[in-house]
Protein backbone atom coordinates (compact mmCIF):
# COMPACT_ATOMS: atom_id res chain seq x y z
CA MET A 1 -5.05 -24.54 -25.40
CA ARG A 2 -1.76 -23.81 -23.67
CA VAL A 3 0.15 -20.86 -25.07
CA PRO A 4 3.96 -21.09 -24.77
CA SER A 5 5.49 -18.25 -22.76
CA ARG A 6 8.60 -16.38 -23.86
CA ILE A 7 11.64 -18.04 -22.29
CA PRO A 8 14.92 -16.29 -21.40
CA SER A 9 18.31 -17.49 -22.57
CA GLY A 10 20.18 -19.93 -20.37
CA GLU A 11 19.76 -23.35 -18.78
CA HIS A 12 16.25 -24.52 -17.89
CA ARG A 13 14.77 -27.53 -16.14
CA ILE A 14 11.45 -29.31 -16.68
CA ARG A 15 10.22 -31.53 -13.86
CA ILE A 16 7.69 -34.24 -14.80
CA GLN A 17 5.87 -36.18 -12.09
CA TRP A 18 3.40 -39.04 -12.37
CA GLU A 19 1.89 -41.87 -10.38
CA GLY A 20 1.38 -45.47 -11.42
CA CYS A 21 1.37 -48.97 -9.94
CA GLY A 22 1.47 -47.53 -6.44
CA GLN A 23 4.60 -45.50 -7.14
CA LYS A 24 5.33 -41.80 -7.46
CA LEU A 25 7.91 -41.11 -10.14
CA GLU A 26 9.74 -37.97 -11.13
CA ARG A 27 12.10 -37.05 -13.95
CA VAL A 28 13.98 -33.82 -14.51
CA PHE A 29 15.09 -32.77 -17.98
CA THR A 30 17.63 -29.99 -18.54
CA PHE A 31 17.98 -27.94 -21.70
CA THR A 32 19.78 -24.78 -22.82
CA MET A 33 18.43 -22.21 -25.24
CA GLU A 34 19.26 -18.76 -26.60
CA ASN A 35 16.60 -16.09 -26.92
CA PRO A 36 18.21 -12.72 -27.74
CA ASP A 37 14.80 -10.98 -27.88
CA PHE A 38 13.82 -11.89 -24.32
CA GLY A 39 13.15 -8.85 -22.14
CA LYS A 40 13.35 -6.32 -24.97
CA PRO A 41 10.56 -3.75 -25.21
CA VAL A 42 7.89 -4.60 -27.76
CA SER A 43 5.68 -2.20 -29.68
CA ASP A 44 2.46 -1.16 -27.94
CA PRO A 45 -0.37 0.24 -30.09
CA ASP A 46 -1.55 2.38 -27.16
CA VAL A 47 1.85 4.08 -26.90
CA GLU A 48 1.93 4.77 -30.61
CA ALA A 49 -1.66 6.12 -30.60
CA LEU A 50 -1.01 8.38 -27.61
CA ALA A 51 2.15 9.75 -29.22
CA GLN A 52 0.28 10.55 -32.43
CA ALA A 53 -2.60 12.17 -30.54
CA ASN A 54 -0.23 14.37 -28.50
CA PRO A 55 2.54 15.49 -30.90
CA ASP A 56 3.65 18.28 -28.54
CA ALA A 57 4.10 15.88 -25.60
CA LYS A 58 6.40 13.01 -24.62
CA VAL A 59 5.36 9.46 -23.76
CA ALA A 60 7.09 7.46 -21.02
CA VAL A 61 6.44 3.76 -20.40
CA LEU A 62 7.22 2.78 -16.80
CA GLN A 63 7.65 -1.00 -16.61
CA GLN A 64 9.79 -2.80 -14.06
CA GLY A 65 13.18 -3.81 -15.48
CA LEU A 66 12.82 -2.00 -18.83
CA PRO A 67 14.02 1.50 -19.78
CA GLY A 68 11.48 4.04 -18.56
CA ALA A 69 11.68 7.83 -18.63
CA GLY A 70 15.47 7.52 -19.12
CA ASN A 71 18.00 4.95 -20.30
CA ALA A 72 18.26 3.13 -16.97
CA PRO A 73 15.92 0.18 -16.26
CA TYR A 74 12.86 1.32 -14.33
CA ALA A 75 12.74 0.01 -10.75
CA GLY A 76 9.89 2.00 -9.21
CA CYS A 77 6.94 -0.41 -9.33
CA ALA A 78 5.63 -2.06 -6.15
CA ASP A 79 2.68 -4.46 -6.23
CA THR A 80 1.09 -7.20 -4.17
CA LEU A 81 -2.20 -8.97 -3.49
CA LEU A 82 -4.30 -9.28 -0.33
CA ASP A 83 -5.99 -12.63 0.43
CA SER A 84 -8.83 -12.98 2.95
CA ARG A 85 -8.06 -16.70 3.40
CA GLU A 86 -4.63 -15.90 4.84
CA PRO A 87 -5.22 -12.54 6.54
CA ASP A 88 -1.71 -12.22 7.99
CA ALA A 89 0.15 -13.38 4.84
CA ASN A 90 2.25 -11.17 2.58
CA TYR A 91 2.59 -11.81 -1.16
CA GLY A 92 4.97 -9.07 -2.28
CA ALA A 93 7.21 -11.47 -4.26
CA LYS A 94 4.40 -13.31 -6.07
CA ASN A 95 4.55 -13.37 -9.86
CA HIS A 96 0.83 -12.68 -10.19
CA LEU A 97 -1.90 -10.42 -8.81
CA ILE A 98 -5.57 -11.31 -8.18
CA ALA A 99 -8.74 -9.23 -7.98
CA GLY A 100 -12.09 -10.74 -7.01
CA PRO A 101 -13.33 -13.90 -5.26
CA TYR A 102 -11.00 -16.85 -5.82
CA GLY A 103 -11.61 -19.18 -2.88
CA GLY A 104 -11.50 -16.09 -0.68
CA MET A 105 -11.68 -12.42 -1.61
CA HIS A 106 -8.59 -10.82 -3.18
CA GLN A 107 -7.51 -7.22 -3.72
CA THR A 108 -4.55 -5.91 -5.70
CA LEU A 109 -2.33 -2.96 -4.74
CA ILE A 110 0.09 -1.31 -7.16
CA ARG A 111 2.24 1.81 -7.06
CA PHE A 112 4.53 3.51 -9.60
CA ASP A 113 7.21 5.98 -8.54
CA LEU A 114 7.03 9.00 -10.87
CA SER A 115 10.28 10.65 -9.76
CA ALA A 116 11.90 9.54 -13.05
CA LEU A 117 9.79 12.12 -14.89
CA PRO A 118 11.34 15.57 -15.39
CA PRO A 119 10.66 17.99 -12.49
CA GLY A 120 7.59 20.11 -13.14
CA ALA A 121 6.26 17.84 -15.87
CA GLU A 122 2.63 18.47 -16.83
CA ILE A 123 0.66 15.23 -16.99
CA VAL A 124 -1.61 15.02 -20.04
CA GLU A 125 -2.77 11.46 -19.60
CA ALA A 126 -1.80 8.26 -17.79
CA ARG A 127 -2.87 4.71 -18.53
CA LEU A 128 -2.33 1.63 -16.35
CA LYS A 129 -2.05 -1.69 -18.17
CA LEU A 130 -1.97 -5.20 -16.67
CA PHE A 131 -1.70 -8.47 -18.56
CA TYR A 132 -4.69 -10.72 -17.83
CA HIS A 133 -3.80 -14.41 -18.00
CA PHE A 134 -6.50 -16.31 -16.10
CA GLY A 135 -9.99 -15.76 -14.76
CA SER A 136 -13.59 -16.89 -14.61
CA GLY A 137 -17.12 -15.52 -14.78
CA PRO A 138 -18.32 -11.93 -15.15
CA ARG A 139 -15.68 -9.57 -13.80
CA VAL A 140 -15.24 -5.82 -13.61
CA VAL A 141 -12.14 -4.49 -11.86
CA ARG A 142 -11.86 -0.77 -11.14
CA PRO A 143 -8.93 1.36 -9.93
CA TYR A 144 -9.15 3.57 -6.84
CA ARG A 145 -6.56 6.01 -5.51
CA MET A 146 -4.99 4.79 -2.29
CA LEU A 147 -5.07 7.14 0.71
CA LYS A 148 -2.65 5.27 2.97
CA ALA A 149 0.91 4.02 2.62
CA TRP A 150 1.45 0.25 2.52
CA GLY A 151 4.45 -2.05 2.45
CA GLU A 152 4.89 -4.32 -0.58
CA GLY A 153 7.00 -6.89 1.27
CA GLU A 154 8.79 -9.92 -0.12
CA GLY A 155 6.49 -12.78 0.86
CA MET A 156 5.67 -15.64 -1.49
CA PHE A 157 4.72 -18.79 0.39
CA PRO A 158 5.21 -20.37 3.84
CA GLN A 159 8.61 -21.96 4.41
CA LYS A 160 7.00 -25.10 5.81
CA LEU A 161 5.14 -25.61 2.51
CA ARG A 162 8.26 -24.91 0.47
CA ASP A 163 10.11 -27.52 2.53
CA TYR A 164 7.37 -30.03 1.73
CA TYR A 165 6.66 -29.22 -1.93
CA GLY A 166 10.07 -27.94 -3.00
CA ASP A 167 10.39 -25.44 -5.84
CA ARG A 168 7.09 -26.62 -7.30
CA TYR A 169 5.35 -24.44 -4.73
CA ALA A 170 6.97 -21.25 -6.09
CA ASP A 171 4.41 -21.02 -8.90
CA SER A 172 1.44 -22.16 -6.84
CA THR A 173 -1.56 -19.88 -6.38
CA ARG A 174 -1.76 -20.91 -2.74
CA GLY A 175 0.10 -19.75 0.29
CA GLY A 176 1.88 -16.64 1.47
CA ARG A 177 4.63 -15.92 3.97
CA GLU A 178 3.52 -14.32 7.23
CA ALA A 179 3.89 -10.56 6.96
CA LEU A 180 6.91 -9.07 8.68
CA ASP A 181 6.96 -5.64 10.32
CA GLY A 182 6.30 -2.99 7.68
CA GLU A 183 4.72 -5.44 5.19
CA CYS A 184 1.08 -5.44 4.15
CA ALA A 185 -1.47 -8.24 4.40
CA TRP A 186 -5.26 -8.55 4.47
CA ASN A 187 -5.15 -7.37 8.10
CA PHE A 188 -2.28 -4.86 7.85
CA ARG A 189 -1.25 -1.99 5.60
CA ALA A 190 2.23 -2.09 7.16
CA ARG A 191 2.37 -4.52 10.05
CA PRO A 192 1.46 -3.82 12.85
CA GLU A 193 -0.55 -0.87 11.44
CA PRO A 194 -4.04 -2.12 10.46
CA TRP A 195 -6.24 -1.06 7.56
CA GLY A 196 -9.32 1.01 8.35
CA LEU A 197 -11.16 -2.24 7.64
CA PRO A 198 -9.51 -5.58 6.73
CA GLY A 199 -8.58 -6.03 3.10
CA CYS A 200 -8.05 -2.33 2.45
CA GLY A 201 -11.79 -2.18 2.91
CA LYS A 202 -12.72 1.26 4.27
CA PRO A 203 -13.63 3.81 1.58
CA GLY A 204 -12.61 7.33 2.46
CA ASP A 205 -9.97 6.02 4.84
CA ASP A 206 -8.01 3.30 3.03
CA TYR A 207 -8.90 4.45 -0.49
CA ASP A 208 -10.79 7.16 -2.34
CA PRO A 209 -14.26 5.69 -3.10
CA ALA A 210 -14.44 7.48 -6.48
CA SER A 211 -13.40 5.02 -9.19
CA LEU A 212 -10.90 6.49 -11.66
CA SER A 213 -12.18 4.68 -14.76
CA GLU A 214 -13.71 1.56 -16.28
CA PRO A 215 -11.43 -1.15 -17.73
CA THR A 216 -10.87 -1.35 -21.48
CA PHE A 217 -9.62 -4.41 -23.31
CA ASP A 218 -9.78 -6.22 -26.63
CA PRO A 219 -10.24 -10.01 -26.28
CA ALA A 220 -9.81 -10.26 -30.04
CA LYS A 221 -6.09 -9.75 -29.38
CA ALA A 222 -5.94 -12.60 -26.87
CA GLU A 223 -3.01 -14.99 -27.13
CA GLY A 224 -4.96 -18.06 -26.02
CA THR A 225 -8.30 -19.64 -25.07
CA ASP A 226 -9.41 -21.41 -21.89
CA ASP A 227 -9.89 -25.14 -22.58
CA ARG A 228 -13.12 -25.43 -20.58
CA SER A 229 -14.92 -22.12 -21.01
CA GLN A 230 -13.47 -21.29 -24.44
CA GLN A 231 -13.13 -17.71 -23.20
CA PRO A 232 -10.16 -15.68 -24.47
CA LEU A 233 -7.12 -15.53 -22.21
CA ARG A 234 -3.85 -13.60 -22.11
CA TYR A 235 -4.49 -10.01 -23.18
CA TRP A 236 -3.85 -6.50 -21.88
CA VAL A 237 -6.42 -4.66 -19.75
CA ALA A 238 -6.12 -0.86 -19.43
CA TRP A 239 -7.47 1.82 -17.10
CA GLY A 240 -7.24 5.59 -17.34
CA VAL A 241 -5.55 6.94 -14.19
CA GLY A 242 -4.58 10.42 -15.33
CA GLU A 243 -6.26 12.29 -12.45
CA ALA A 244 -4.31 10.26 -9.90
CA ALA A 245 -1.02 10.73 -11.78
CA LYS A 246 -1.50 14.51 -11.91
CA ARG A 247 -1.81 14.57 -8.15
CA TRP A 248 1.19 12.30 -7.63
CA VAL A 249 3.39 14.65 -9.65
CA THR A 250 2.31 17.78 -7.76
CA GLU A 251 2.15 15.98 -4.38
CA PRO A 252 4.67 13.11 -4.41
CA ALA A 253 3.95 12.34 -0.75
CA ALA A 254 0.35 11.51 -1.74
CA ASN A 255 1.46 8.75 -4.12
CA HIS A 256 0.29 5.63 -2.32
CA GLY A 257 -0.62 3.94 -5.58
CA LEU A 258 -3.85 2.26 -6.57
CA LEU A 259 -6.29 -0.33 -5.31
CA LEU A 260 -7.67 -2.65 -8.01
CA ARG A 261 -10.98 -3.83 -6.64
CA ALA A 262 -13.63 -6.10 -8.15
CA LEU A 263 -17.26 -5.01 -8.02
CA ASP A 264 -19.03 -5.99 -4.80
CA GLY A 265 -21.08 -9.13 -5.23
CA GLN A 266 -19.59 -10.28 -8.52
CA THR A 267 -18.53 -13.91 -8.88
CA GLY A 268 -15.75 -13.47 -11.42
CA PHE A 269 -12.06 -13.08 -10.65
CA ALA A 270 -9.01 -12.03 -12.63
CA PHE A 271 -5.32 -12.98 -12.49
CA PHE A 272 -2.70 -10.54 -13.78
CA PHE A 273 1.07 -10.86 -14.04
CA SER A 274 2.96 -8.84 -11.41
CA SER A 275 6.19 -6.83 -11.52
CA GLU A 276 7.99 -10.03 -10.43
CA PHE A 277 6.91 -12.02 -13.49
CA HIS A 278 9.92 -13.54 -15.25
CA ASP A 279 9.17 -12.05 -18.69
CA LEU A 280 9.62 -8.29 -18.36
CA VAL A 281 7.37 -7.34 -21.28
CA TYR A 282 4.29 -8.81 -19.53
CA ARG A 283 4.81 -6.92 -16.28
CA PRO A 284 2.44 -4.08 -15.29
CA LYS A 285 3.09 -0.81 -17.09
CA LEU A 286 2.12 2.81 -16.58
CA ILE A 287 2.03 4.84 -19.79
CA VAL A 288 2.45 8.54 -19.01
CA VAL A 289 1.90 11.33 -21.53
CA TYR A 290 3.52 14.55 -20.30
CA ARG A 291 4.85 17.93 -21.35
CA PRO A 292 8.20 19.02 -19.91
CA ARG A 293 8.17 22.24 -17.92
CA LYS A 294 8.81 25.28 -20.07
CA GLU A 295 11.94 27.14 -19.09
């Protein structure tokens, strides 16, 4: 079952390609639509529940492109994936994140700037949520506090492959542009600076080995089902990251974000939408419950 995604207003193109009788054919159809609700915040049961459970606190939802702790659109999320198959490639501009073995091993890095919160705010709770849209097999992904700075970068796919495939390659799960200086990759946290071990792989050096929490999710709220496995797809996964957020507020220089790492030895993998995904409401979000500093 394919679930239609929310589409923004404006002009759109659909490219259809097929082969037959020894020929490759292609047609492009253009259409225009209006969707006034695109990109507007939608209600989140977690936000409402946290607000009710903490009546003396405030709740901020930090999500790239949407109003966060103030009226201005939030612009403090950085995220990317690391791919062992292309150890020097950067994926900072990809519209998805991956954790687990998918061809090669993948890790996800994500960071939220908390400077939009009021100075001296007391963190009560923080919850990271990512929208899961594709995966396979048993999978457990846990968050770990990063100990080293890393560069998100702007890589998506190699130029030589874009030249060959055209814009079709922009949504491919393959490829990555070679990391530039200051960008991360499987081999680098900020090229040319290496990780303690490739793939952000050295506990106690690259990341704190103590997992912050177990994932929570409700497949009953899934928006679709995989055609082959009949497993639910397209739902939110959440992790409690309050201990990390408390430290980031008191020590902003220690905010290097989080590593989302699959359990060693597991065969399942998970795809999540990134902060570059076209529909803002499906981008990663950090829900922060806080009390303003008392004057």
